Amino acid sequence: MVEIILDGSKMTSRDAAHKYIKECMNLPEYYGENLDALWDLLSTWAVETTVYLLNEEKMHENMGEYGEQLKGVFREAAYENDNICFVVSADEDKILKGI
């Protein structure tokens, strides 16, 4: 099982968010850095992975509606693909102690 922590405060724009996600999740070079490309990769993700999103409010502050859409892609992928678990959490300490 792989556990990935995404910090919403580091997602300051669409481009920054996709570059950050690409780095954190070790996505391939061909990743198109948009919501459709993210969905394509997450929906076929073959490794059991839990993705934690911290500082959700900062992500929304920085990106507005796009932050909600991004979160929606992760939620939908978790619903469709049993290898993905997506957790939005405000308790960073609890997550960091558990990993």
PDB file of N, CA and C in Angstrom:
ATOM      1  N   MET A   1       0.848  -1.186   0.000  1.00  0.00           N
ATOM      2  CA  MET A   1       0.000   0.000   0.000  1.00  0.00           C
ATOM      3  C   MET A   1       0.881   1.231   0.000  1.00  0.00           C
ATOM      4  N   VAL A   2       0.571   2.145  -0.882  1.00  0.00           N
ATOM      5  CA  VAL A   2       1.285   3.416  -0.987  1.00  0.00           C
ATOM      6  C   VAL A   2       0.409   4.496  -0.361  1.00  0.00           C
ATOM      7  N   GLU A   3       1.014   5.399   0.382  1.00  0.00           N
ATOM      8  CA  GLU A   3       0.294   6.527   0.956  1.00  0.00           C
ATOM      9  C   GLU A   3       0.947   7.815   0.471  1.00  0.00           C
ATOM     10  N   ILE A   4       0.125   8.716  -0.045  1.00  0.00           N
ATOM     11  CA  ILE A   4       0.599   9.980  -0.615  1.00  0.00           C
ATOM     12  C   ILE A   4      -0.117  11.123   0.079  1.00  0.00           C
ATOM     13  N   ILE A   5       0.650  12.123   0.492  1.00  0.00           N
ATOM     14  CA  ILE A   5       0.072  13.305   1.117  1.00  0.00           C
ATOM     15  C   ILE A   5       0.205  14.471   0.143  1.00  0.00           C
ATOM     16  N   LEU A   6      -0.930  15.073  -0.194  1.00  0.00           N
ATOM     17  CA  LEU A   6      -0.950  16.269  -1.025  1.00  0.00           C
ATOM     18  C   LEU A   6      -1.307  17.448  -0.132  1.00  0.00           C
ATOM     19  N   ASP A   7      -0.516  18.488  -0.194  1.00  0.00           N
ATOM     20  CA  ASP A   7      -0.740  19.692   0.602  1.00  0.00           C
ATOM     21  C   ASP A   7      -1.411  20.749  -0.274  1.00  0.00           C
ATOM     22  N   GLY A   8      -2.677  20.998   0.007  1.00  0.00           N
ATOM     23  CA  GLY A   8      -3.448  21.948  -0.786  1.00  0.00           C
ATOM     24  C   GLY A   8      -2.859  23.346  -0.812  1.00  0.00           C
ATOM     25  N   SER A   9      -2.090  23.713   0.209  1.00  0.00           N
ATOM     26  CA  SER A   9      -1.494  25.055   0.233  1.00  0.00           C
ATOM     27  C   SER A   9      -0.416  25.216  -0.838  1.00  0.00           C
ATOM     28  N   LYS A  10       0.079  24.104  -1.382  1.00  0.00           N
ATOM     29  CA  LYS A  10       1.087  24.167  -2.431  1.00  0.00           C
ATOM     30  C   LYS A  10       0.460  24.229  -3.824  1.00  0.00           C
ATOM     31  N   MET A  11      -0.850  24.125  -3.875  1.00  0.00           N
ATOM     32  CA  MET A  11      -1.565  24.179  -5.143  1.00  0.00           C
ATOM     33  C   MET A  11      -2.065  25.612  -5.335  1.00  0.00           C
ATOM     34  N   THR A  12      -1.209  26.436  -5.853  1.00  0.00           N
ATOM     35  CA  THR A  12      -1.489  27.870  -5.950  1.00  0.00           C
ATOM     36  C   THR A  12      -2.120  28.283  -7.272  1.00  0.00           C
ATOM     37  N   SER A  13      -2.087  27.403  -8.249  1.00  0.00           N
ATOM     38  CA  SER A  13      -2.688  27.644  -9.564  1.00  0.00           C
ATOM     39  C   SER A  13      -2.919  26.287 -10.219  1.00  0.00           C
ATOM     40  N   ARG A  14      -3.602  26.281 -11.350  1.00  0.00           N
ATOM     41  CA  ARG A  14      -3.821  25.017 -12.064  1.00  0.00           C
ATOM     42  C   ARG A  14      -2.493  24.363 -12.420  1.00  0.00           C
ATOM     43  N   ASP A  15      -1.606  25.146 -13.023  1.00  0.00           N
ATOM     44  CA  ASP A  15      -0.312  24.595 -13.438  1.00  0.00           C
ATOM     45  C   ASP A  15       0.485  24.085 -12.246  1.00  0.00           C
ATOM     46  N   ALA A  16       0.526  24.886 -11.184  1.00  0.00           N
ATOM     47  CA  ALA A  16       1.279  24.491  -9.991  1.00  0.00           C
ATOM     48  C   ALA A  16       0.686  23.223  -9.378  1.00  0.00           C
ATOM     49  N   ALA A  17      -0.632  23.118  -9.365  1.00  0.00           N
ATOM     50  CA  ALA A  17      -1.288  21.942  -8.794  1.00  0.00           C
ATOM     51  C   ALA A  17      -0.919  20.678  -9.561  1.00  0.00           C
ATOM     52  N   HIS A  18      -0.989  20.745 -10.878  1.00  0.00           N
ATOM     53  CA  HIS A  18      -0.685  19.547 -11.668  1.00  0.00           C
ATOM     54  C   HIS A  18       0.787  19.177 -11.600  1.00  0.00           C
ATOM     55  N   LYS A  19       1.663  20.139 -11.576  1.00  0.00           N
ATOM     56  CA  LYS A  19       3.096  19.832 -11.433  1.00  0.00           C
ATOM     57  C   LYS A  19       3.368  19.197 -10.071  1.00  0.00           C
ATOM     58  N   TYR A  20       2.722  19.719  -9.037  1.00  0.00           N
ATOM     59  CA  TYR A  20       2.886  19.194  -7.681  1.00  0.00           C
ATOM     60  C   TYR A  20       2.337  17.768  -7.579  1.00  0.00           C
ATOM     61  N   ILE A  21       1.154  17.535  -8.117  1.00  0.00           N
ATOM     62  CA  ILE A  21       0.569  16.194  -8.100  1.00  0.00           C
ATOM     63  C   ILE A  21       1.435  15.223  -8.888  1.00  0.00           C
ATOM     64  N   LYS A  22       1.919  15.663 -10.031  1.00  0.00           N
ATOM     65  CA  LYS A  22       2.791  14.822 -10.855  1.00  0.00           C
ATOM     66  C   LYS A  22       4.019  14.394 -10.068  1.00  0.00           C
ATOM     67  N   GLU A  23       4.618  15.333  -9.357  1.00  0.00           N
ATOM     68  CA  GLU A  23       5.803  15.037  -8.561  1.00  0.00           C
ATOM     69  C   GLU A  23       5.483  14.109  -7.390  1.00  0.00           C
ATOM     70  N   CYS A  24       4.448  14.438  -6.630  1.00  0.00           N
ATOM     71  CA  CYS A  24       4.100  13.659  -5.440  1.00  0.00           C
ATOM     72  C   CYS A  24       3.672  12.233  -5.776  1.00  0.00           C
ATOM     73  N   MET A  25       2.969  12.077  -6.887  1.00  0.00           N
ATOM     74  CA  MET A  25       2.454  10.764  -7.250  1.00  0.00           C
ATOM     75  C   MET A  25       3.356  10.028  -8.238  1.00  0.00           C
ATOM     76  N   ASN A  26       4.467  10.663  -8.582  1.00  0.00           N
ATOM     77  CA  ASN A  26       5.412  10.063  -9.522  1.00  0.00           C
ATOM     78  C   ASN A  26       4.705   9.661 -10.828  1.00  0.00           C
ATOM     79  N   LEU A  27       3.939  10.610 -11.372  1.00  0.00           N
ATOM     80  CA  LEU A  27       3.217  10.352 -12.609  1.00  0.00           C
ATOM     81  C   LEU A  27       4.175  10.380 -13.791  1.00  0.00           C
ATOM     82  N   PRO A  28       3.831   9.678 -14.853  1.00  0.00           N
ATOM     83  CA  PRO A  28       4.741   9.586 -16.009  1.00  0.00           C
ATOM     84  C   PRO A  28       4.919  10.930 -16.726  1.00  0.00           C
ATOM     85  N   GLU A  29       5.978  11.028 -17.474  1.00  0.00           N
ATOM     86  CA  GLU A  29       6.302  12.253 -18.218  1.00  0.00           C
ATOM     87  C   GLU A  29       5.181  12.659 -19.169  1.00  0.00           C
ATOM     88  N   TYR A  30       4.478  11.679 -19.711  1.00  0.00           N
ATOM     89  CA  TYR A  30       3.428  11.989 -20.685  1.00  0.00           C
ATOM     90  C   TYR A  30       2.149  12.539 -20.040  1.00  0.00           C
ATOM     91  N   TYR A  31       2.113  12.620 -18.709  1.00  0.00           N
ATOM     92  CA  TYR A  31       0.937  13.158 -18.021  1.00  0.00           C
ATOM     93  C   TYR A  31       0.619  14.544 -18.572  1.00  0.00           C
ATOM     94  N   GLY A  32      -0.603  14.739 -19.037  1.00  0.00           N
ATOM     95  CA  GLY A  32      -1.004  15.961 -19.718  1.00  0.00           C
ATOM     96  C   GLY A  32      -1.277  17.161 -18.831  1.00  0.00           C
ATOM     97  N   GLU A  33      -1.177  16.990 -17.512  1.00  0.00           N
ATOM     98  CA  GLU A  33      -1.342  18.080 -16.549  1.00  0.00           C
ATOM     99  C   GLU A  33      -2.664  18.821 -16.724  1.00  0.00           C
ATOM    100  N   ASN A  34      -3.756  18.049 -16.781  1.00  0.00           N
ATOM    101  CA  ASN A  34      -5.104  18.605 -16.780  1.00  0.00           C
ATOM    102  C   ASN A  34      -6.027  17.579 -16.124  1.00  0.00           C
ATOM    103  N   LEU A  35      -7.263  17.945 -15.880  1.00  0.00           N
ATOM    104  CA  LEU A  35      -8.183  17.064 -15.166  1.00  0.00           C
ATOM    105  C   LEU A  35      -8.477  15.778 -15.923  1.00  0.00           C
ATOM    106  N   ASP A  36      -8.621  15.852 -17.237  1.00  0.00           N
ATOM    107  CA  ASP A  36      -8.883  14.642 -18.026  1.00  0.00           C
ATOM    108  C   ASP A  36      -7.710  13.673 -17.947  1.00  0.00           C
ATOM    109  N   ALA A  37      -6.503  14.193 -18.049  1.00  0.00           N
ATOM    110  CA  ALA A  37      -5.315  13.340 -17.977  1.00  0.00           C
ATOM    111  C   ALA A  37      -5.183  12.724 -16.582  1.00  0.00           C
ATOM    112  N   LEU A  38      -5.496  13.492 -15.550  1.00  0.00           N
ATOM    113  CA  LEU A  38      -5.449  12.963 -14.191  1.00  0.00           C
ATOM    114  C   LEU A  38      -6.456  11.836 -14.025  1.00  0.00           C
ATOM    115  N   TRP A  39      -7.662  12.053 -14.520  1.00  0.00           N
ATOM    116  CA  TRP A  39      -8.685  11.007 -14.466  1.00  0.00           C
ATOM    117  C   TRP A  39      -8.211   9.743 -15.185  1.00  0.00           C
ATOM    118  N   ASP A  40      -7.651   9.906 -16.372  1.00  0.00           N
ATOM    119  CA  ASP A  40      -7.179   8.748 -17.134  1.00  0.00           C
ATOM    120  C   ASP A  40      -6.188   7.917 -16.333  1.00  0.00           C
ATOM    121  N   LEU A  41      -5.264   8.573 -15.652  1.00  0.00           N
ATOM    122  CA  LEU A  41      -4.264   7.843 -14.873  1.00  0.00           C
ATOM    123  C   LEU A  41      -4.863   7.240 -13.604  1.00  0.00           C
ATOM    124  N   LEU A  42      -5.671   8.005 -12.890  1.00  0.00           N
ATOM    125  CA  LEU A  42      -6.233   7.507 -11.632  1.00  0.00           C
ATOM    126  C   LEU A  42      -7.235   6.378 -11.853  1.00  0.00           C
ATOM    127  N   SER A  43      -7.999   6.455 -12.921  1.00  0.00           N
ATOM    128  CA  SER A  43      -9.022   5.436 -13.163  1.00  0.00           C
ATOM    129  C   SER A  43      -8.419   4.086 -13.528  1.00  0.00           C
ATOM    130  N   THR A  44      -7.159   4.085 -13.943  1.00  0.00           N
ATOM    131  CA  THR A  44      -6.483   2.825 -14.289  1.00  0.00           C
ATOM    132  C   THR A  44      -5.326   2.525 -13.337  1.00  0.00           C
ATOM    133  N   TRP A  45      -5.241   3.247 -12.244  1.00  0.00           N
ATOM    134  CA  TRP A  45      -4.160   3.101 -11.254  1.00  0.00           C
ATOM    135  C   TRP A  45      -4.140   1.659 -10.749  1.00  0.00           C
ATOM    136  N   ALA A  46      -2.993   1.008 -10.811  1.00  0.00           N
ATOM    137  CA  ALA A  46      -2.909  -0.417 -10.497  1.00  0.00           C
ATOM    138  C   ALA A  46      -2.339  -0.727  -9.113  1.00  0.00           C
ATOM    139  N   VAL A  47      -1.872   0.277  -8.401  1.00  0.00           N
ATOM    140  CA  VAL A  47      -1.261   0.059  -7.089  1.00  0.00           C
ATOM    141  C   VAL A  47      -2.204   0.577  -6.011  1.00  0.00           C
ATOM    142  N   GLU A  48      -2.429  -0.233  -4.984  1.00  0.00           N
ATOM    143  CA  GLU A  48      -3.292   0.197  -3.887  1.00  0.00           C
ATOM    144  C   GLU A  48      -2.686   1.429  -3.226  1.00  0.00           C
ATOM    145  N   THR A  49      -3.406   2.545  -3.285  1.00  0.00           N
ATOM    146  CA  THR A  49      -2.868   3.841  -2.864  1.00  0.00           C
ATOM    147  C   THR A  49      -3.920   4.640  -2.115  1.00  0.00           C
ATOM    148  N   THR A  50      -3.499   5.241  -1.003  1.00  0.00           N
ATOM    149  CA  THR A  50      -4.336   6.202  -0.299  1.00  0.00           C
ATOM    150  C   THR A  50      -3.738   7.580  -0.520  1.00  0.00           C
ATOM    151  N   VAL A  51      -4.562   8.503  -1.003  1.00  0.00           N
ATOM    152  CA  VAL A  51      -4.147   9.879  -1.234  1.00  0.00           C
ATOM    153  C   VAL A  51      -4.838  10.750  -0.190  1.00  0.00           C
ATOM    154  N   TYR A  52      -4.027  11.428   0.620  1.00  0.00           N
ATOM    155  CA  TYR A  52      -4.551  12.342   1.627  1.00  0.00           C
ATOM    156  C   TYR A  52      -4.416  13.769   1.113  1.00  0.00           C
ATOM    157  N   LEU A  53      -5.476  14.546   1.235  1.00  0.00           N
ATOM    158  CA  LEU A  53      -5.431  15.961   0.887  1.00  0.00           C
ATOM    159  C   LEU A  53      -5.503  16.773   2.171  1.00  0.00           C
ATOM    160  N   LEU A  54      -4.460  17.532   2.434  1.00  0.00           N
ATOM    161  CA  LEU A  54      -4.411  18.431   3.580  1.00  0.00           C
ATOM    162  C   LEU A  54      -4.598  19.862   3.102  1.00  0.00           C
ATOM    163  N   ASN A  55      -4.989  20.734   3.992  1.00  0.00           N
ATOM    164  CA  ASN A  55      -5.145  22.161   3.692  1.00  0.00           C
ATOM    165  C   ASN A  55      -6.065  22.408   2.504  1.00  0.00           C
ATOM    166  N   GLU A  56      -7.175  21.696   2.501  1.00  0.00           N
ATOM    167  CA  GLU A  56      -8.162  21.835   1.430  1.00  0.00           C
ATOM    168  C   GLU A  56      -8.626  23.284   1.279  1.00  0.00           C
ATOM    169  N   GLU A  57      -8.794  23.975   2.390  1.00  0.00           N
ATOM    170  CA  GLU A  57      -9.286  25.353   2.339  1.00  0.00           C
ATOM    171  C   GLU A  57      -8.313  26.277   1.611  1.00  0.00           C
ATOM    172  N   LYS A  58      -7.004  26.054   1.755  1.00  0.00           N
ATOM    173  CA  LYS A  58      -6.013  26.860   1.039  1.00  0.00           C
ATOM    174  C   LYS A  58      -6.076  26.582  -0.464  1.00  0.00           C
ATOM    175  N   MET A  59      -6.291  25.320  -0.823  1.00  0.00           N
ATOM    176  CA  MET A  59      -6.419  24.969  -2.232  1.00  0.00           C
ATOM    177  C   MET A  59      -7.604  25.721  -2.842  1.00  0.00           C
ATOM    178  N   HIS A  60      -8.728  25.746  -2.129  1.00  0.00           N
ATOM    179  CA  HIS A  60      -9.912  26.457  -2.626  1.00  0.00           C
ATOM    180  C   HIS A  60      -9.667  27.962  -2.660  1.00  0.00           C
ATOM    181  N   GLU A  61      -8.965  28.449  -1.673  1.00  0.00           N
ATOM    182  CA  GLU A  61      -8.631  29.875  -1.631  1.00  0.00           C
ATOM    183  C   GLU A  61      -7.791  30.263  -2.849  1.00  0.00           C
ATOM    184  N   ASN A  62      -6.854  29.404  -3.200  1.00  0.00           N
ATOM    185  CA  ASN A  62      -5.943  29.672  -4.311  1.00  0.00           C
ATOM    186  C   ASN A  62      -6.575  29.447  -5.684  1.00  0.00           C
ATOM    187  N   MET A  63      -7.408  28.402  -5.803  1.00  0.00           N
ATOM    188  CA  MET A  63      -7.865  27.992  -7.128  1.00  0.00           C
ATOM    189  C   MET A  63      -9.375  28.054  -7.321  1.00  0.00           C
ATOM    190  N   GLY A  64     -10.126  28.374  -6.289  1.00  0.00           N
ATOM    191  CA  GLY A  64     -11.571  28.478  -6.419  1.00  0.00           C
ATOM    192  C   GLY A  64     -12.228  27.205  -6.906  1.00  0.00           C
ATOM    193  N   GLU A  65     -13.118  27.339  -7.883  1.00  0.00           N
ATOM    194  CA  GLU A  65     -13.892  26.211  -8.406  1.00  0.00           C
ATOM    195  C   GLU A  65     -13.003  25.110  -8.971  1.00  0.00           C
ATOM    196  N   TYR A  66     -11.870  25.468  -9.518  1.00  0.00           N
ATOM    197  CA  TYR A  66     -10.983  24.445 -10.077  1.00  0.00           C
ATOM    198  C   TYR A  66     -10.503  23.496  -8.979  1.00  0.00           C
ATOM    199  N   GLY A  67     -10.293  24.004  -7.784  1.00  0.00           N
ATOM    200  CA  GLY A  67      -9.913  23.147  -6.662  1.00  0.00           C
ATOM    201  C   GLY A  67     -10.992  22.119  -6.364  1.00  0.00           C
ATOM    202  N   GLU A  68     -12.248  22.529  -6.444  1.00  0.00           N
ATOM    203  CA  GLU A  68     -13.371  21.605  -6.231  1.00  0.00           C
ATOM    204  C   GLU A  68     -13.412  20.554  -7.338  1.00  0.00           C
ATOM    205  N   GLN A  69     -13.158  20.963  -8.562  1.00  0.00           N
ATOM    206  CA  GLN A  69     -13.136  20.021  -9.679  1.00  0.00           C
ATOM    207  C   GLN A  69     -12.004  19.007  -9.518  1.00  0.00           C
ATOM    208  N   LEU A  70     -10.866  19.482  -9.093  1.00  0.00           N
ATOM    209  CA  LEU A  70      -9.709  18.610  -8.870  1.00  0.00           C
ATOM    210  C   LEU A  70     -10.035  17.565  -7.799  1.00  0.00           C
ATOM    211  N   LYS A  71     -10.610  18.030  -6.716  1.00  0.00           N
ATOM    212  CA  LYS A  71     -11.019  17.125  -5.643  1.00  0.00           C
ATOM    213  C   LYS A  71     -12.042  16.118  -6.166  1.00  0.00           C
ATOM    214  N   GLY A  72     -12.943  16.581  -7.026  1.00  0.00           N
ATOM    215  CA  GLY A  72     -13.940  15.694  -7.608  1.00  0.00           C
ATOM    216  C   GLY A  72     -13.337  14.579  -8.442  1.00  0.00           C
ATOM    217  N   VAL A  73     -12.277  14.873  -9.165  1.00  0.00           N
ATOM    218  CA  VAL A  73     -11.598  13.838  -9.960  1.00  0.00           C
ATOM    219  C   VAL A  73     -11.055  12.745  -9.043  1.00  0.00           C
ATOM    220  N   PHE A  74     -10.431  13.138  -7.941  1.00  0.00           N
ATOM    221  CA  PHE A  74      -9.921  12.145  -6.993  1.00  0.00           C
ATOM    222  C   PHE A  74     -11.059  11.331  -6.382  1.00  0.00           C
ATOM    223  N   ARG A  75     -12.149  12.005  -6.023  1.00  0.00           N
ATOM    224  CA  ARG A  75     -13.294  11.292  -5.428  1.00  0.00           C
ATOM    225  C   ARG A  75     -13.902  10.302  -6.414  1.00  0.00           C
ATOM    226  N   GLU A  76     -14.097  10.731  -7.650  1.00  0.00           N
ATOM    227  CA  GLU A  76     -14.671   9.847  -8.664  1.00  0.00           C
ATOM    228  C   GLU A  76     -13.752   8.662  -8.948  1.00  0.00           C
ATOM    229  N   ALA A  77     -12.461   8.922  -9.015  1.00  0.00           N
ATOM    230  CA  ALA A  77     -11.507   7.837  -9.257  1.00  0.00           C
ATOM    231  C   ALA A  77     -11.541   6.829  -8.116  1.00  0.00           C
ATOM    232  N   ALA A  78     -11.643   7.323  -6.885  1.00  0.00           N
ATOM    233  CA  ALA A  78     -11.708   6.424  -5.723  1.00  0.00           C
ATOM    234  C   ALA A  78     -12.987   5.580  -5.771  1.00  0.00           C
ATOM    235  N   TYR A  79     -14.062   6.160  -6.281  1.00  0.00           N
ATOM    236  CA  TYR A  79     -15.320   5.438  -6.403  1.00  0.00           C
ATOM    237  C   TYR A  79     -15.227   4.355  -7.486  1.00  0.00           C
ATOM    238  N   GLU A  80     -14.581   4.678  -8.591  1.00  0.00           N
ATOM    239  CA  GLU A  80     -14.498   3.769  -9.736  1.00  0.00           C
ATOM    240  C   GLU A  80     -13.379   2.736  -9.627  1.00  0.00           C
ATOM    241  N   ASN A  81     -12.297   3.081  -8.949  1.00  0.00           N
ATOM    242  CA  ASN A  81     -11.106   2.231  -8.918  1.00  0.00           C
ATOM    243  C   ASN A  81     -10.819   1.829  -7.474  1.00  0.00           C
ATOM    244  N   ASP A  82     -10.930   0.542  -7.188  1.00  0.00           N
ATOM    245  CA  ASP A  82     -10.716   0.041  -5.830  1.00  0.00           C
ATOM    246  C   ASP A  82      -9.290   0.221  -5.334  1.00  0.00           C
ATOM    247  N   ASN A  83      -8.368   0.536  -6.216  1.00  0.00           N
ATOM    248  CA  ASN A  83      -6.971   0.737  -5.809  1.00  0.00           C
ATOM    249  C   ASN A  83      -6.721   2.137  -5.253  1.00  0.00           C
ATOM    250  N   ILE A  84      -7.686   3.039  -5.408  1.00  0.00           N
ATOM    251  CA  ILE A  84      -7.524   4.423  -4.944  1.00  0.00           C
ATOM    252  C   ILE A  84      -8.452   4.679  -3.764  1.00  0.00           C
ATOM    253  N   CYS A  85      -7.875   5.240  -2.712  1.00  0.00           N
ATOM    254  CA  CYS A  85      -8.651   5.743  -1.583  1.00  0.00           C
ATOM    255  C   CYS A  85      -8.281   7.219  -1.446  1.00  0.00           C
ATOM    256  N   PHE A  86      -9.281   8.082  -1.356  1.00  0.00           N
ATOM    257  CA  PHE A  86      -9.038   9.524  -1.266  1.00  0.00           C
ATOM    258  C   PHE A  86      -9.614  10.039   0.037  1.00  0.00           C
ATOM    259  N   VAL A  87      -8.761  10.711   0.823  1.00  0.00           N
ATOM    260  CA  VAL A  87      -9.156  11.205   2.135  1.00  0.00           C
ATOM    261  C   VAL A  87      -8.827  12.686   2.237  1.00  0.00           C
ATOM    262  N   VAL A  88      -9.844  13.490   2.533  1.00  0.00           N
ATOM    263  CA  VAL A  88      -9.641  14.912   2.803  1.00  0.00           C
ATOM    264  C   VAL A  88      -9.587  15.040   4.314  1.00  0.00           C
ATOM    265  N   SER A  89      -8.509  15.630   4.816  1.00  0.00           N
ATOM    266  CA  SER A  89      -8.346  15.707   6.262  1.00  0.00           C
ATOM    267  C   SER A  89      -7.829  17.061   6.695  1.00  0.00           C
ATOM    268  N   ALA A  90      -8.301  17.497   7.841  1.00  0.00           N
ATOM    269  CA  ALA A  90      -7.804  18.733   8.441  1.00  0.00           C
ATOM    270  C   ALA A  90      -6.777  18.414   9.527  1.00  0.00           C
ATOM    271  N   ASP A  91      -6.596  17.133   9.830  1.00  0.00           N
ATOM    272  CA  ASP A  91      -5.722  16.736  10.929  1.00  0.00           C
ATOM    273  C   ASP A  91      -4.392  16.198  10.413  1.00  0.00           C
ATOM    274  N   GLU A  92      -3.507  17.109  10.063  1.00  0.00           N
ATOM    275  CA  GLU A  92      -2.202  16.750   9.502  1.00  0.00           C
ATOM    276  C   GLU A  92      -1.387  15.901  10.472  1.00  0.00           C
ATOM    277  N   ASP A  93      -1.398  16.239  11.747  1.00  0.00           N
ATOM    278  CA  ASP A  93      -0.610  15.496  12.728  1.00  0.00           C
ATOM    279  C   ASP A  93      -1.032  14.033  12.790  1.00  0.00           C
ATOM    280  N   LYS A  94      -2.325  13.784  12.771  1.00  0.00           N
ATOM    281  CA  LYS A  94      -2.834  12.428  12.828  1.00  0.00           C
ATOM    282  C   LYS A  94      -2.371  11.611  11.613  1.00  0.00           C
ATOM    283  N   ILE A  95      -2.432  12.218  10.461  1.00  0.00           N
ATOM    284  CA  ILE A  95      -2.007  11.521   9.243  1.00  0.00           C
ATOM    285  C   ILE A  95      -0.509  11.258   9.270  1.00  0.00           C
ATOM    286  N   LEU A  96       0.277  12.262   9.620  1.00  0.00           N
ATOM    287  CA  LEU A  96       1.728  12.102   9.628  1.00  0.00           C
ATOM    288  C   LEU A  96       2.184  11.079  10.648  1.00  0.00           C
ATOM    289  N   LYS A  97       1.517  10.977  11.759  1.00  0.00           N
ATOM    290  CA  LYS A  97       1.866   9.966  12.768  1.00  0.00           C
ATOM    291  C   LYS A  97       1.496   8.577  12.310  1.00  0.00           C
ATOM    292  N   GLY A  98       0.453   8.490  11.486  1.00  0.00           N
ATOM    293  CA  GLY A  98      -0.009   7.191  11.011  1.00  0.00           C
ATOM    294  C   GLY A  98       0.778   6.642   9.848  1.00  0.00           C
ATOM    295  N   ILE A  99       1.546   7.508   9.187  1.00  0.00           N
ATOM    296  CA  ILE A  99       2.302   7.064   8.008  1.00  0.00           C
ATOM    297  C   ILE A  99       3.724   6.762   8.383  1.00  0.00           C
TER     298      ILE A  99
END
